[in-house]
Amino acid sequence: MDPLTGPALVTAGLLVVAGGLKVVDPETTVGALRALGLPSAPLLVRAGAAAEAALGVAAIAVGGPVAWGLVAASYLAFGAFVTAAHRAGTMVGSCGCFGREETPPHPVHVVLDLALTATAVAVAATVDGAPVAGVADDPVAGAVVVALSALALHLAHAAFVELPRALAAGATAAPRMPRGRAGRRGG
């Protein structure tokens, strides 16, 4: 089994999860696209989300440099979208990455998207065939890799959803000391 099997499952699995959630409920993605002046019809968002999920499934089940190159391009596009949403200064309450989840655009998304892009590029360059084939070749090790990948997928989802929320809440809740008085005690 290739050492990149687990990271590949997580990278493509996120596309499946995110795409599936947006197919079911495209509204936050519609709102985010609309706020940036991009095409935002719910049917268009659902079609794009279905393609996203299908790409994730194809990358896992079929693999190959073309599928993984498209996965890498997807994460680059997501990173560019989040960067645009963050810089636009528009009221985008959620980037719509995971359907109804409130995920404010945050630089942490861009970092995660770039890491997933690098993973997809590495898989495209080094893994022959489908990641799922390596799992099937060694069922015991494969079961462990799948279980750890599921855990990592859950943690990656939390990093995309909860980490930006926590960072945004921490930035607004942090007390600020008056300038010029830092470090002074007494009167």
C-alpha atoms as a PDB file:
ATOM      1  CA  MET A   1       0.000   0.000   0.000  1.00  0.00           C
ATOM      2  CA  ASP A   2       1.297   3.428  -0.947  1.00  0.00           C
ATOM      3  CA  PRO A   3       2.171   5.733   1.976  1.00  0.00           C
ATOM      4  CA  LEU A   4      -0.066   8.414   0.452  1.00  0.00           C
ATOM      5  CA  THR A   5      -3.182   6.213   0.550  1.00  0.00           C
ATOM      6  CA  GLY A   6      -4.480   7.742   3.789  1.00  0.00           C
ATOM      7  CA  PRO A   7      -3.856  11.364   2.796  1.00  0.00           C
ATOM      8  CA  ALA A   8      -5.390  10.628  -0.619  1.00  0.00           C
ATOM      9  CA  LEU A   9      -8.546   9.214   0.998  1.00  0.00           C
ATOM     10  CA  VAL A  10      -8.871  12.292   3.200  1.00  0.00           C
ATOM     11  CA  THR A  11      -8.222  14.749   0.367  1.00  0.00           C
ATOM     12  CA  ALA A  12     -10.759  13.177  -1.980  1.00  0.00           C
ATOM     13  CA  GLY A  13     -13.145  12.319   0.860  1.00  0.00           C
ATOM     14  CA  LEU A  14     -13.462  16.002   1.761  1.00  0.00           C
ATOM     15  CA  LEU A  15     -14.646  16.676  -1.786  1.00  0.00           C
ATOM     16  CA  VAL A  16     -17.275  13.964  -1.432  1.00  0.00           C
ATOM     17  CA  VAL A  17     -18.506  15.288   1.924  1.00  0.00           C
ATOM     18  CA  ALA A  18     -18.467  18.977   0.964  1.00  0.00           C
ATOM     19  CA  GLY A  19     -20.029  18.347  -2.438  1.00  0.00           C
ATOM     20  CA  GLY A  20     -22.716  16.125  -0.964  1.00  0.00           C
ATOM     21  CA  LEU A  21     -23.641  18.694   1.675  1.00  0.00           C
ATOM     22  CA  LYS A  22     -23.932  21.436  -0.950  1.00  0.00           C
ATOM     23  CA  VAL A  23     -26.102  19.234  -3.190  1.00  0.00           C
ATOM     24  CA  VAL A  24     -28.513  18.761  -0.285  1.00  0.00           C
ATOM     25  CA  ASP A  25     -28.470  22.415   0.800  1.00  0.00           C
ATOM     26  CA  PRO A  26     -26.840  24.914  -1.578  1.00  0.00           C
ATOM     27  CA  GLU A  27     -28.144  28.088   0.091  1.00  0.00           C
ATOM     28  CA  THR A  28     -25.032  29.264   1.960  1.00  0.00           C
ATOM     29  CA  THR A  29     -22.909  28.696  -1.128  1.00  0.00           C
ATOM     30  CA  VAL A  30     -25.507  30.565  -3.204  1.00  0.00           C
ATOM     31  CA  GLY A  31     -25.291  33.458  -0.739  1.00  0.00           C
ATOM     32  CA  ALA A  32     -21.487  33.486  -0.751  1.00  0.00           C
ATOM     33  CA  LEU A  33     -21.324  33.464  -4.551  1.00  0.00           C
ATOM     34  CA  ARG A  34     -23.987  36.162  -4.780  1.00  0.00           C
ATOM     35  CA  ALA A  35     -22.099  38.373  -2.290  1.00  0.00           C
ATOM     36  CA  LEU A  36     -19.085  38.251  -4.595  1.00  0.00           C
ATOM     37  CA  GLY A  37     -21.144  38.922  -7.729  1.00  0.00           C
ATOM     38  CA  LEU A  38     -20.597  35.432  -9.152  1.00  0.00           C
ATOM     39  CA  PRO A  39     -23.202  33.188 -10.813  1.00  0.00           C
ATOM     40  CA  SER A  40     -25.237  31.793  -7.938  1.00  0.00           C
ATOM     41  CA  ALA A  41     -28.340  29.949  -9.109  1.00  0.00           C
ATOM     42  CA  PRO A  42     -29.154  27.065  -6.739  1.00  0.00           C
ATOM     43  CA  LEU A  43     -29.297  24.615  -9.659  1.00  0.00           C
ATOM     44  CA  LEU A  44     -25.840  25.743 -10.796  1.00  0.00           C
ATOM     45  CA  VAL A  45     -24.459  25.338  -7.271  1.00  0.00           C
ATOM     46  CA  ARG A  46     -26.013  21.862  -6.985  1.00  0.00           C
ATOM     47  CA  ALA A  47     -24.520  20.843 -10.344  1.00  0.00           C
ATOM     48  CA  GLY A  48     -21.077  22.076  -9.330  1.00  0.00           C
ATOM     49  CA  ALA A  49     -21.383  20.349  -5.961  1.00  0.00           C
ATOM     50  CA  ALA A  50     -22.396  17.080  -7.619  1.00  0.00           C
ATOM     51  CA  ALA A  51     -19.359  17.358  -9.900  1.00  0.00           C
ATOM     52  CA  GLU A  52     -17.182  18.024  -6.831  1.00  0.00           C
ATOM     53  CA  ALA A  53     -18.496  14.918  -5.066  1.00  0.00           C
ATOM     54  CA  ALA A  54     -18.185  12.811  -8.233  1.00  0.00           C
ATOM     55  CA  LEU A  55     -14.578  13.952  -8.668  1.00  0.00           C
ATOM     56  CA  GLY A  56     -13.814  12.856  -5.110  1.00  0.00           C
ATOM     57  CA  VAL A  57     -15.347   9.432  -5.745  1.00  0.00           C
ATOM     58  CA  ALA A  58     -13.478   9.072  -9.055  1.00  0.00           C
ATOM     59  CA  ALA A  59     -10.172  10.018  -7.438  1.00  0.00           C
ATOM     60  CA  ILE A  60     -10.672   7.364  -4.753  1.00  0.00           C
ATOM     61  CA  ALA A  61     -12.081   4.620  -6.980  1.00  0.00           C
ATOM     62  CA  VAL A  62     -10.177   5.167 -10.241  1.00  0.00           C
ATOM     63  CA  GLY A  63      -7.278   7.486  -9.441  1.00  0.00           C
ATOM     64  CA  GLY A  64      -4.717   8.534 -11.986  1.00  0.00           C
ATOM     65  CA  PRO A  65      -2.915  11.779 -12.693  1.00  0.00           C
ATOM     66  CA  VAL A  66      -5.868  13.423 -14.467  1.00  0.00           C
ATOM     67  CA  ALA A  67      -8.313  12.855 -11.598  1.00  0.00           C
ATOM     68  CA  TRP A  68      -5.768  13.964  -9.005  1.00  0.00           C
ATOM     69  CA  GLY A  69      -4.791  16.960 -11.119  1.00  0.00           C
ATOM     70  CA  LEU A  70      -8.456  17.992 -11.120  1.00  0.00           C
ATOM     71  CA  VAL A  71      -8.588  17.476  -7.347  1.00  0.00           C
ATOM     72  CA  ALA A  72      -5.557  19.773  -6.992  1.00  0.00           C
ATOM     73  CA  ALA A  73      -7.170  22.357  -9.296  1.00  0.00           C
ATOM     74  CA  SER A  74     -10.362  22.187  -7.218  1.00  0.00           C
ATOM     75  CA  TYR A  75      -8.536  22.973  -3.997  1.00  0.00           C
ATOM     76  CA  LEU A  76      -6.652  25.823  -5.685  1.00  0.00           C
ATOM     77  CA  ALA A  77      -9.987  27.234  -6.880  1.00  0.00           C
ATOM     78  CA  PHE A  78     -11.472  26.896  -3.383  1.00  0.00           C
ATOM     79  CA  GLY A  79      -8.475  28.710  -1.920  1.00  0.00           C
ATOM     80  CA  ALA A  80      -8.820  31.498  -4.490  1.00  0.00           C
ATOM     81  CA  PHE A  81     -12.538  31.823  -3.721  1.00  0.00           C
ATOM     82  CA  VAL A  82     -11.947  32.041   0.028  1.00  0.00           C
ATOM     83  CA  THR A  83      -9.175  34.588  -0.525  1.00  0.00           C
ATOM     84  CA  ALA A  84     -11.514  36.687  -2.681  1.00  0.00           C
ATOM     85  CA  ALA A  85     -14.316  36.407  -0.105  1.00  0.00           C
ATOM     86  CA  HIS A  86     -11.983  37.352   2.725  1.00  0.00           C
ATOM     87  CA  ARG A  87     -10.454  40.316   0.880  1.00  0.00           C
ATOM     88  CA  ALA A  88     -13.699  41.623  -0.624  1.00  0.00           C
ATOM     89  CA  GLY A  89     -14.902  42.985   2.678  1.00  0.00           C
ATOM     90  CA  THR A  90     -18.435  41.962   1.755  1.00  0.00           C
ATOM     91  CA  MET A  91     -20.718  40.460   4.328  1.00  0.00           C
ATOM     92  CA  VAL A  92     -20.051  36.807   3.628  1.00  0.00           C
ATOM     93  CA  GLY A  93     -21.098  34.999   6.800  1.00  0.00           C
ATOM     94  CA  SER A  94     -20.120  31.643   5.362  1.00  0.00           C
ATOM     95  CA  CYS A  95     -18.046  30.514   2.412  1.00  0.00           C
ATOM     96  CA  GLY A  96     -20.543  27.707   1.883  1.00  0.00           C
ATOM     97  CA  CYS A  97     -17.811  25.066   1.835  1.00  0.00           C
ATOM     98  CA  PHE A  98     -19.825  22.537   3.789  1.00  0.00           C
ATOM     99  CA  GLY A  99     -23.429  23.370   2.976  1.00  0.00           C
ATOM    100  CA  ARG A 100     -25.385  24.905   5.851  1.00  0.00           C
ATOM    101  CA  GLU A 101     -22.399  24.999   8.229  1.00  0.00           C
ATOM    102  CA  GLU A 102     -21.499  28.569   9.116  1.00  0.00           C
ATOM    103  CA  THR A 103     -17.888  28.725   8.011  1.00  0.00           C
ATOM    104  CA  PRO A 104     -16.674  32.308   7.780  1.00  0.00           C
ATOM    105  CA  PRO A 105     -13.983  32.833   5.138  1.00  0.00           C
ATOM    106  CA  HIS A 106     -10.680  32.776   6.965  1.00  0.00           C
ATOM    107  CA  PRO A 107      -6.991  32.540   6.013  1.00  0.00           C
ATOM    108  CA  VAL A 108      -6.879  29.130   7.704  1.00  0.00           C
ATOM    109  CA  HIS A 109      -9.089  27.863   4.853  1.00  0.00           C
ATOM    110  CA  VAL A 110      -6.498  28.980   2.347  1.00  0.00           C
ATOM    111  CA  VAL A 111      -3.697  27.233   4.241  1.00  0.00           C
ATOM    112  CA  LEU A 112      -5.740  24.022   4.404  1.00  0.00           C
ATOM    113  CA  ASP A 113      -6.656  24.292   0.712  1.00  0.00           C
ATOM    114  CA  LEU A 114      -2.989  24.721  -0.212  1.00  0.00           C
ATOM    115  CA  ALA A 115      -2.013  21.695   1.903  1.00  0.00           C
ATOM    116  CA  LEU A 116      -4.713  19.624   0.200  1.00  0.00           C
ATOM    117  CA  THR A 117      -3.549  20.898  -3.198  1.00  0.00           C
ATOM    118  CA  ALA A 118      -0.015  19.741  -2.397  1.00  0.00           C
ATOM    119  CA  THR A 119      -1.335  16.349  -1.296  1.00  0.00           C
ATOM    120  CA  ALA A 120      -3.287  15.939  -4.533  1.00  0.00           C
ATOM    121  CA  VAL A 121      -0.233  16.913  -6.594  1.00  0.00           C
ATOM    122  CA  ALA A 122       1.908  14.388  -4.696  1.00  0.00           C
ATOM    123  CA  VAL A 123      -0.688  11.661  -5.241  1.00  0.00           C
ATOM    124  CA  ALA A 124      -0.921  12.526  -8.954  1.00  0.00           C
ATOM    125  CA  ALA A 125       2.847  12.297  -9.294  1.00  0.00           C
ATOM    126  CA  THR A 126       3.484   9.125  -7.307  1.00  0.00           C
ATOM    127  CA  VAL A 127       0.434   6.893  -6.847  1.00  0.00           C
ATOM    128  CA  ASP A 128      -0.349   4.395  -9.582  1.00  0.00           C
ATOM    129  CA  GLY A 129      -4.018   3.512  -9.787  1.00  0.00           C
ATOM    130  CA  ALA A 130      -6.775   4.002  -7.266  1.00  0.00           C
ATOM    131  CA  PRO A 131      -6.109   4.517  -3.561  1.00  0.00           C
ATOM    132  CA  VAL A 132      -8.911   2.080  -2.797  1.00  0.00           C
ATOM    133  CA  ALA A 133      -7.010  -0.676  -4.646  1.00  0.00           C
ATOM    134  CA  GLY A 134      -4.192  -0.510  -2.106  1.00  0.00           C
ATOM    135  CA  VAL A 135      -6.721  -0.874   0.685  1.00  0.00           C
ATOM    136  CA  ALA A 136      -8.228  -3.959  -0.966  1.00  0.00           C
ATOM    137  CA  ASP A 137      -4.798  -5.557  -1.497  1.00  0.00           C
ATOM    138  CA  ASP A 138      -4.120  -5.737   2.237  1.00  0.00           C
ATOM    139  CA  PRO A 139      -7.466  -5.869   4.089  1.00  0.00           C
ATOM    140  CA  VAL A 140      -6.049  -5.689   7.629  1.00  0.00           C
ATOM    141  CA  ALA A 141      -3.727  -2.759   7.004  1.00  0.00           C
ATOM    142  CA  GLY A 142      -6.385  -1.321   4.700  1.00  0.00           C
ATOM    143  CA  ALA A 143      -8.967  -1.349   7.478  1.00  0.00           C
ATOM    144  CA  VAL A 144      -6.578   0.533   9.742  1.00  0.00           C
ATOM    145  CA  VAL A 145      -5.807   3.087   7.018  1.00  0.00           C
ATOM    146  CA  VAL A 146      -9.517   3.578   6.294  1.00  0.00           C
ATOM    147  CA  ALA A 147     -10.318   4.008  10.010  1.00  0.00           C
ATOM    148  CA  LEU A 148      -7.495   6.513  10.500  1.00  0.00           C
ATOM    149  CA  SER A 149      -8.498   8.302   7.296  1.00  0.00           C
ATOM    150  CA  ALA A 150     -12.086   8.591   8.564  1.00  0.00           C
ATOM    151  CA  LEU A 151     -10.787  10.121  11.779  1.00  0.00           C
ATOM    152  CA  ALA A 152      -8.523  12.487   9.833  1.00  0.00           C
ATOM    153  CA  LEU A 153     -11.451  13.411   7.579  1.00  0.00           C
ATOM    154  CA  HIS A 154     -13.505  14.315  10.649  1.00  0.00           C
ATOM    155  CA  LEU A 155     -10.616  16.379  12.029  1.00  0.00           C
ATOM    156  CA  ALA A 156     -10.100  18.120   8.667  1.00  0.00           C
ATOM    157  CA  HIS A 157     -13.805  18.983   8.543  1.00  0.00           C
ATOM    158  CA  ALA A 158     -13.501  20.416  12.063  1.00  0.00           C
ATOM    159  CA  ALA A 159     -10.436  22.401  10.995  1.00  0.00           C
ATOM    160  CA  PHE A 160     -12.392  23.923   8.108  1.00  0.00           C
ATOM    161  CA  VAL A 161     -15.522  24.639  10.159  1.00  0.00           C
ATOM    162  CA  GLU A 162     -14.663  25.030  13.837  1.00  0.00           C
ATOM    163  CA  LEU A 163     -11.151  26.506  13.686  1.00  0.00           C
ATOM    164  CA  PRO A 164     -12.178  29.628  11.723  1.00  0.00           C
ATOM    165  CA  ARG A 165     -15.168  30.096  14.071  1.00  0.00           C
ATOM    166  CA  ALA A 166     -12.942  29.829  17.138  1.00  0.00           C
ATOM    167  CA  LEU A 167     -10.328  32.173  15.689  1.00  0.00           C
ATOM    168  CA  ALA A 168     -12.981  34.716  14.667  1.00  0.00           C
ATOM    169  CA  ALA A 169     -14.635  34.529  18.097  1.00  0.00           C
ATOM    170  CA  GLY A 170     -11.278  34.839  19.848  1.00  0.00           C
ATOM    171  CA  ALA A 171     -10.354  37.897  17.808  1.00  0.00           C
ATOM    172  CA  THR A 172     -13.554  39.711  18.764  1.00  0.00           C
ATOM    173  CA  ALA A 173     -13.581  38.589  22.408  1.00  0.00           C
ATOM    174  CA  ALA A 174      -9.938  39.283  23.278  1.00  0.00           C
ATOM    175  CA  PRO A 175      -9.633  42.223  25.668  1.00  0.00           C
ATOM    176  CA  ARG A 176      -7.327  44.937  24.494  1.00  0.00           C
ATOM    177  CA  MET A 177      -4.994  46.888  26.728  1.00  0.00           C
ATOM    178  CA  PRO A 178      -4.812  50.632  26.238  1.00  0.00           C
ATOM    179  CA  ARG A 179      -1.757  51.753  24.291  1.00  0.00           C
ATOM    180  CA  GLY A 180       1.121  53.106  26.321  1.00  0.00           C
ATOM    181  CA  ARG A 181       0.193  51.283  29.487  1.00  0.00           C
ATOM    182  CA  ALA A 182       1.317  47.762  28.656  1.00  0.00           C
ATOM    183  CA  GLY A 183       3.599  46.393  31.298  1.00  0.00           C
ATOM    184  CA  ARG A 184       2.977  49.124  33.911  1.00  0.00           C
ATOM    185  CA  ARG A 185       1.770  48.211  37.349  1.00  0.00           C
ATOM    186  CA  GLY A 186       0.307  50.404  40.014  1.00  0.00           C
ATOM    187  CA  GLY A 187      -0.252  54.100  39.784  1.00  0.00           C
END
